[in-house]
C-alpha atoms as a PDB file:
ATOM      1  CA  MET A   1      32.398 -28.301 -65.245  1.00  0.00           C
ATOM      2  CA  ARG A   2      29.351 -28.865 -62.888  1.00  0.00           C
ATOM      3  CA  GLY A   3      27.386 -30.171 -66.270  1.00  0.00           C
ATOM      4  CA  ILE A   4      29.819 -32.662 -67.808  1.00  0.00           C
ATOM      5  CA  PHE A   5      30.575 -34.079 -63.930  1.00  0.00           C
ATOM      6  CA  LEU A   6      26.469 -34.662 -63.683  1.00  0.00           C
ATOM      7  CA  ILE A   7      26.255 -36.406 -67.237  1.00  0.00           C
ATOM      8  CA  ILE A   8      29.173 -38.488 -66.024  1.00  0.00           C
ATOM      9  CA  LEU A   9      27.610 -39.660 -63.175  1.00  0.00           C
ATOM     10  CA  ALA A  10      24.184 -40.169 -64.707  1.00  0.00           C
ATOM     11  CA  VAL A  11      25.599 -42.576 -67.529  1.00  0.00           C
ATOM     12  CA  ALA A  12      27.655 -44.511 -64.989  1.00  0.00           C
ATOM     13  CA  ALA A  13      24.348 -44.872 -62.757  1.00  0.00           C
ATOM     14  CA  LEU A  14      22.801 -46.238 -66.104  1.00  0.00           C
ATOM     15  CA  VAL A  15      25.489 -48.286 -66.948  1.00  0.00           C
ATOM     16  CA  PHE A  16      26.032 -50.194 -63.565  1.00  0.00           C
ATOM     17  CA  SER A  17      22.226 -50.281 -62.874  1.00  0.00           C
ATOM     18  CA  PRO A  18      20.476 -53.354 -62.415  1.00  0.00           C
ATOM     19  CA  PHE A  19      17.742 -51.736 -64.187  1.00  0.00           C
ATOM     20  CA  SER A  20      19.942 -50.735 -67.401  1.00  0.00           C
ATOM     21  CA  PRO A  21      18.596 -52.436 -70.500  1.00  0.00           C
ATOM     22  CA  ALA A  22      20.988 -55.425 -70.100  1.00  0.00           C
ATOM     23  CA  GLY A  23      19.362 -55.973 -66.329  1.00  0.00           C
ATOM     24  CA  GLY A  24      22.866 -56.441 -65.231  1.00  0.00           C
ATOM     25  CA  GLU A  25      23.448 -58.744 -67.780  1.00  0.00           C
ATOM     26  CA  GLN A  26      27.028 -60.186 -68.567  1.00  0.00           C
ATOM     27  CA  ALA A  27      28.736 -61.550 -71.303  1.00  0.00           C
ATOM     28  CA  GLU A  28      26.421 -64.679 -73.369  1.00  0.00           C
ATOM     29  CA  LYS A  29      26.912 -68.000 -71.109  1.00  0.00           C
ATOM     30  CA  LYS A  30      24.856 -71.168 -72.245  1.00  0.00           C
ATOM     31  CA  PRO A  31      24.192 -73.789 -70.244  1.00  0.00           C
ATOM     32  CA  PRO A  32      26.607 -76.553 -71.000  1.00  0.00           C
ATOM     33  CA  GLU A  33      25.411 -79.048 -73.415  1.00  0.00           C
ATOM     34  CA  GLY A  34      24.690 -82.287 -71.748  1.00  0.00           C
ATOM     35  CA  ILE A  35      24.087 -81.113 -68.339  1.00  0.00           C
ATOM     36  CA  MET A  36      21.371 -83.125 -66.907  1.00  0.00           C
ATOM     37  CA  GLY A  37      21.033 -84.586 -69.706  1.00  0.00           C
ATOM     38  CA  LEU A  38      19.075 -81.056 -71.386  1.00  0.00           C
ATOM     39  CA  THR A  39      20.302 -79.408 -74.385  1.00  0.00           C
ATOM     40  CA  THR A  40      19.946 -75.026 -74.348  1.00  0.00           C
ATOM     41  CA  GLU A  41      16.575 -75.173 -75.838  1.00  0.00           C
ATOM     42  CA  GLN A  42      15.522 -77.598 -73.248  1.00  0.00           C
ATOM     43  CA  TRP A  43      16.781 -75.291 -70.627  1.00  0.00           C
ATOM     44  CA  LYS A  44      14.905 -72.739 -72.320  1.00  0.00           C
ATOM     45  CA  LYS A  45      11.854 -74.253 -71.730  1.00  0.00           C
ATOM     46  CA  LYS A  46      12.466 -75.768 -68.372  1.00  0.00           C
ATOM     47  CA  LEU A  47      13.232 -72.546 -66.590  1.00  0.00           C
ATOM     48  CA  SER A  48      11.031 -69.048 -66.901  1.00  0.00           C
ATOM     49  CA  PRO A  49      13.151 -66.641 -68.989  1.00  0.00           C
ATOM     50  CA  LEU A  50      14.218 -64.337 -65.828  1.00  0.00           C
ATOM     51  CA  GLU A  51      15.349 -68.027 -64.433  1.00  0.00           C
ATOM     52  CA  TYR A  52      17.144 -68.380 -67.950  1.00  0.00           C
ATOM     53  CA  LYS A  53      18.675 -65.245 -67.708  1.00  0.00           C
ATOM     54  CA  VAL A  54      20.136 -65.338 -64.262  1.00  0.00           C
ATOM     55  CA  LEU A  55      21.480 -68.674 -64.109  1.00  0.00           C
ATOM     56  CA  TRP A  56      23.004 -69.174 -67.428  1.00  0.00           C
ATOM     57  CA  LYS A  57      23.157 -65.459 -68.759  1.00  0.00           C
ATOM     58  CA  LYS A  58      24.668 -63.853 -65.401  1.00  0.00           C
ATOM     59  CA  GLY A  59      21.367 -61.236 -64.951  1.00  0.00           C
ATOM     60  CA  THR A  60      20.680 -59.793 -61.642  1.00  0.00           C
ATOM     61  CA  GLU A  61      17.079 -59.863 -61.014  1.00  0.00           C
ATOM     62  CA  ALA A  62      15.929 -56.033 -59.553  1.00  0.00           C
ATOM     63  CA  PRO A  63      16.272 -55.543 -55.923  1.00  0.00           C
ATOM     64  CA  PHE A  64      13.400 -56.179 -53.390  1.00  0.00           C
ATOM     65  CA  SER A  65      11.656 -57.894 -55.978  1.00  0.00           C
ATOM     66  CA  GLY A  66      12.778 -61.572 -55.139  1.00  0.00           C
ATOM     67  CA  ASP A  67      10.188 -64.107 -53.825  1.00  0.00           C
ATOM     68  CA  LEU A  68      12.845 -65.998 -51.253  1.00  0.00           C
ATOM     69  CA  LEU A  69      13.909 -62.631 -50.190  1.00  0.00           C
ATOM     70  CA  TYR A  70      12.147 -62.245 -46.625  1.00  0.00           C
ATOM     71  CA  ASN A  71      11.841 -66.500 -46.303  1.00  0.00           C
ATOM     72  CA  LYS A  72      12.427 -67.101 -42.573  1.00  0.00           C
ATOM     73  CA  GLU A  73      11.111 -70.824 -42.654  1.00  0.00           C
ATOM     74  CA  LYS A  74      13.866 -73.368 -42.005  1.00  0.00           C
ATOM     75  CA  GLY A  75      15.081 -75.586 -44.841  1.00  0.00           C
ATOM     76  CA  VAL A  76      17.335 -75.830 -47.702  1.00  0.00           C
ATOM     77  CA  TYR A  77      17.716 -73.620 -50.249  1.00  0.00           C
ATOM     78  CA  VAL A  78      18.724 -75.457 -54.060  1.00  0.00           C
ATOM     79  CA  THR A  79      19.590 -73.814 -57.345  1.00  0.00           C
ATOM     80  CA  ALA A  80      16.417 -73.284 -59.523  1.00  0.00           C
ATOM     81  CA  GLY A  81      18.021 -75.419 -62.512  1.00  0.00           C
ATOM     82  CA  CYS A  82      19.938 -78.691 -61.336  1.00  0.00           C
ATOM     83  CA  GLY A  83      18.656 -78.879 -57.711  1.00  0.00           C
ATOM     84  CA  GLN A  84      21.762 -78.885 -56.008  1.00  0.00           C
ATOM     85  CA  PRO A  85      21.501 -77.745 -52.458  1.00  0.00           C
ATOM     86  CA  VAL A  86      24.105 -74.552 -51.966  1.00  0.00           C
ATOM     87  CA  PHE A  87      22.605 -72.773 -49.037  1.00  0.00           C
ATOM     88  CA  SER A  88      20.726 -73.262 -45.401  1.00  0.00           C
ATOM     89  CA  SER A  89      18.416 -71.177 -43.753  1.00  0.00           C
ATOM     90  CA  GLU A  90      20.524 -71.428 -40.729  1.00  0.00           C
ATOM     91  CA  HIS A  91      23.154 -69.207 -42.507  1.00  0.00           C
ATOM     92  CA  LYS A  92      20.688 -66.970 -44.136  1.00  0.00           C
ATOM     93  CA  TYR A  93      20.412 -63.015 -42.726  1.00  0.00           C
ATOM     94  CA  ASP A  94      18.916 -59.415 -43.508  1.00  0.00           C
ATOM     95  CA  SER A  95      21.901 -57.887 -45.273  1.00  0.00           C
ATOM     96  CA  ARG A  96      19.023 -54.905 -46.455  1.00  0.00           C
ATOM     97  CA  THR A  97      20.445 -54.768 -49.866  1.00  0.00           C
ATOM     98  CA  GLY A  98      17.599 -56.405 -51.871  1.00  0.00           C
ATOM     99  CA  TRP A  99      18.860 -59.559 -52.393  1.00  0.00           C
ATOM    100  CA  PRO A 100      18.863 -62.803 -50.178  1.00  0.00           C
ATOM    101  CA  SER A 101      22.044 -63.068 -48.444  1.00  0.00           C
ATOM    102  CA  PHE A 102      23.917 -65.430 -46.498  1.00  0.00           C
ATOM    103  CA  TRP A 103      27.468 -65.866 -44.244  1.00  0.00           C
ATOM    104  CA  LYS A 104      28.250 -69.292 -45.746  1.00  0.00           C
ATOM    105  CA  PRO A 105      27.009 -71.866 -48.099  1.00  0.00           C
ATOM    106  CA  ILE A 106      25.567 -75.407 -47.080  1.00  0.00           C
ATOM    107  CA  SER A 107      29.036 -76.786 -47.573  1.00  0.00           C
ATOM    108  CA  GLU A 108      32.946 -76.150 -48.862  1.00  0.00           C
ATOM    109  CA  ASP A 109      31.832 -77.528 -52.141  1.00  0.00           C
ATOM    110  CA  ALA A 110      28.927 -76.581 -52.731  1.00  0.00           C
ATOM    111  CA  VAL A 111      29.457 -73.669 -54.675  1.00  0.00           C
ATOM    112  CA  ARG A 112      32.780 -72.055 -56.451  1.00  0.00           C
ATOM    113  CA  ILE A 113      34.343 -68.552 -56.614  1.00  0.00           C
ATOM    114  CA  VAL A 114      34.912 -67.171 -59.709  1.00  0.00           C
ATOM    115  CA  PRO A 115      36.677 -63.745 -60.527  1.00  0.00           C
ATOM    116  CA  ASP A 116      34.280 -61.375 -62.094  1.00  0.00           C
ATOM    117  CA  ASN A 117      35.691 -58.528 -63.886  1.00  0.00           C
ATOM    118  CA  SER A 118      32.629 -57.270 -65.817  1.00  0.00           C
ATOM    119  CA  PHE A 119      31.539 -53.747 -65.759  1.00  0.00           C
ATOM    120  CA  GLY A 120      35.446 -52.664 -64.907  1.00  0.00           C
ATOM    121  CA  LEU A 121      35.000 -53.917 -61.558  1.00  0.00           C
ATOM    122  CA  ARG A 122      36.695 -56.978 -59.458  1.00  0.00           C
ATOM    123  CA  ARG A 123      33.907 -58.966 -58.305  1.00  0.00           C
ATOM    124  CA  PHE A 124      33.717 -62.600 -57.117  1.00  0.00           C
ATOM    125  CA  GLU A 125      31.125 -64.718 -58.696  1.00  0.00           C
ATOM    126  CA  VAL A 126      29.817 -67.631 -57.020  1.00  0.00           C
ATOM    127  CA  VAL A 127      28.307 -70.332 -59.193  1.00  0.00           C
ATOM    128  CA  SER A 128      26.751 -73.838 -57.997  1.00  0.00           C
ATOM    129  CA  SER A 129      29.892 -76.302 -58.467  1.00  0.00           C
ATOM    130  CA  LYS A 130      27.651 -79.186 -60.181  1.00  0.00           C
ATOM    131  CA  CYS A 131      25.986 -77.065 -63.498  1.00  0.00           C
ATOM    132  CA  GLY A 132      28.270 -73.816 -63.181  1.00  0.00           C
ATOM    133  CA  GLU A 133      24.554 -71.785 -62.827  1.00  0.00           C
ATOM    134  CA  HIS A 134      25.165 -67.908 -61.740  1.00  0.00           C
ATOM    135  CA  LEU A 135      23.619 -67.421 -58.437  1.00  0.00           C
ATOM    136  CA  GLY A 136      24.943 -64.190 -57.370  1.00  0.00           C
ATOM    137  CA  HIS A 137      28.334 -62.455 -56.064  1.00  0.00           C
ATOM    138  CA  VAL A 138      30.194 -62.548 -52.766  1.00  0.00           C
ATOM    139  CA  PHE A 139      31.447 -59.931 -50.646  1.00  0.00           C
ATOM    140  CA  ARG A 140      33.611 -59.102 -47.934  1.00  0.00           C
ATOM    141  CA  ASP A 141      30.795 -57.148 -45.974  1.00  0.00           C
ATOM    142  CA  GLY A 142      28.671 -60.183 -44.415  1.00  0.00           C
ATOM    143  CA  PRO A 143      28.461 -60.581 -40.531  1.00  0.00           C
ATOM    144  CA  PRO A 144      31.072 -63.026 -38.244  1.00  0.00           C
ATOM    145  CA  PRO A 145      32.024 -65.477 -38.386  1.00  0.00           C
ATOM    146  CA  THR A 146      33.022 -65.843 -41.981  1.00  0.00           C
ATOM    147  CA  GLY A 147      33.036 -61.709 -42.491  1.00  0.00           C
ATOM    148  CA  LEU A 148      30.901 -62.846 -46.038  1.00  0.00           C
ATOM    149  CA  ARG A 149      28.450 -61.936 -47.897  1.00  0.00           C
ATOM    150  CA  TYR A 150      26.833 -64.359 -50.323  1.00  0.00           C
ATOM    151  CA  CYS A 151      24.563 -61.820 -52.298  1.00  0.00           C
ATOM    152  CA  ILE A 152      22.357 -64.430 -54.079  1.00  0.00           C
ATOM    153  CA  ASN A 153      19.637 -64.004 -56.624  1.00  0.00           C
ATOM    154  CA  SER A 154      16.299 -64.941 -55.696  1.00  0.00           C
ATOM    155  CA  VAL A 155      14.973 -66.506 -59.114  1.00  0.00           C
ATOM    156  CA  ALA A 156      18.159 -68.455 -59.067  1.00  0.00           C
ATOM    157  CA  LEU A 157      17.010 -70.641 -55.930  1.00  0.00           C
ATOM    158  CA  ASP A 158      14.070 -72.728 -54.844  1.00  0.00           C
ATOM    159  CA  PHE A 159      13.363 -73.554 -51.225  1.00  0.00           C
ATOM    160  CA  ILE A 160      12.749 -76.677 -50.166  1.00  0.00           C
ATOM    161  CA  PRO A 161      11.411 -76.618 -46.309  1.00  0.00           C
ATOM    162  CA  SER A 162      12.379 -78.804 -43.654  1.00  0.00           C
ATOM    163  CA  GLN A 163      10.158 -81.682 -42.501  1.00  0.00           C
END
């Protein structure tokens, strides 16, 4: 009985791991044709393979691997694809989860929250309101005043320092 439990546990860990062959990838999502005047092939040329996988295939980068995780400069975070401002350094905090975390977006209309039931889990996906790029997920375990944690893939963002 213990052996069966360990096998089930190992399989579950593999399936839900960001290091699984799917890399946290979900259902195929292509960039909408014509967003910023770009076709799917042009998006693939504009973005790195990892950026494309995260933004348009709903992938997840490995924890503690992103360039912006430890960034403490003042400025604005924009989406890596469309360049839409989505988060401010004023709302960033260290959640110790391995991904940049924010307690609120830069404005109420900067992102949309979409139900995500992939992998048998009930989560809430964060997408850019302009292009629909997958940025990460939002959880209800963040700090005051919102109690929210916007857990965002570093590779989904570019940083623009304050002047």
